[in-house]
């Protein structure tokens, strides 16, 4: 399927946002079921945390291939194949009888889930330029932001009426519906005359070119650390909600609604200021909000040794506004550094981000999630490092070094 003219934003935005939802739905929906999974699969809390890390690590590794595959064979084919594999992996998770089997199928979910997000970014840049691209990226971010908020709520209500495998059956059904929608509605935005033959040698050259760009890595790191200040809280959600806030499995909304609501507000603001503020001014605004929110967060953690709602969560929502403002702009700046290899650039960006996220989920989260102050300090450190990476990027660009 091809379009002779640019597809409308009204068509692409909900479809690409739904494809990007695979990631947060796969991660967040099972949080309320951690206790049931531990009991039934005879797993300890550390092993349960690895269900996130295994998913993220596989996602990161395969993210290096989704973009180049779409550059070589077209965006549509890669997305349709990824959705099918995700459905099969979700069924495997539902049928798992051991923690080892569950981890294996979680990794398979990770291998496939990135196709929608990574290739979707390339589709946006295939079709739109400048302000239009930023507006569409912001709309997709707003719709996509709903998923992390509703996913744990849905998971909590599912296990209130059914056993934990029903969560994965629901994910498989979601994948099936989305595959049908993509087959009918998704255009091919990367025609054969613009494609590159896929070869390991050519792929190696492409990645050497990208990594050889001195401004690319600090810019990618700024975007990754930008989001991972919030990911520290998301990946620690079971410990925060159940242990620190003393809430139950149906009350994950106390954490996720402010956090994801903040992302949506930030994405909306990003779309509204597109064309009015420069990219540099937009990112500075986002980081100013994040640094202020991080400082307030640490102060409240010190003032309230026993965390409570809503005070211990409100700064997280404010922080998320800054993240939502920055994310579309940082993504477009990266894609525009290599206009002819947008799929590969999106892959590398996602790989770096997910590698950091996997380390946070598998190593830092278990260490920080025992105390609300440690989480606040971790978010502040991630924000400060992200701002430093952005400063390094700006210094390189201003010197005109590539």
Foldseek 3Di string as FASTA:
>chain_A
DADPAFDDLVQLQVLLLLLLLLVLLLQQQCLQVLVVCCVQQVHDPLLSLVLNLLLLQLLLVLLLPLLLVCLAPFLLVLLLVLLVQLLVLLLQCLPDRHSVSNSVSSSSNSNRSCSSNLSSLLSLLLRDDALSSLLSLLSSQLSNLVSNLCNLLVSLVCVVPDHNSVSSVVSSVSSVVSSVVSVPRPHGSNDNVLGDHDDPVVSVVVVCVQVVQVLQVLLLLLLLLLCVLLLLCSLLQSLCACPQAVHHSNPSNLQSVLQSVLLNLLSVVLSVCRVVDDLVVQLVVLLVQLLVLLVLLLVVLVVCQRDYPPSNRNSSSSNSSSSNSNNSSSLVVQQVVDVSSSSSSSSNSSSVNSVVSSCSSNPVSVVQSVGSNSSSVVSNVSSVSSVVSVVVSVVCVVVVGD
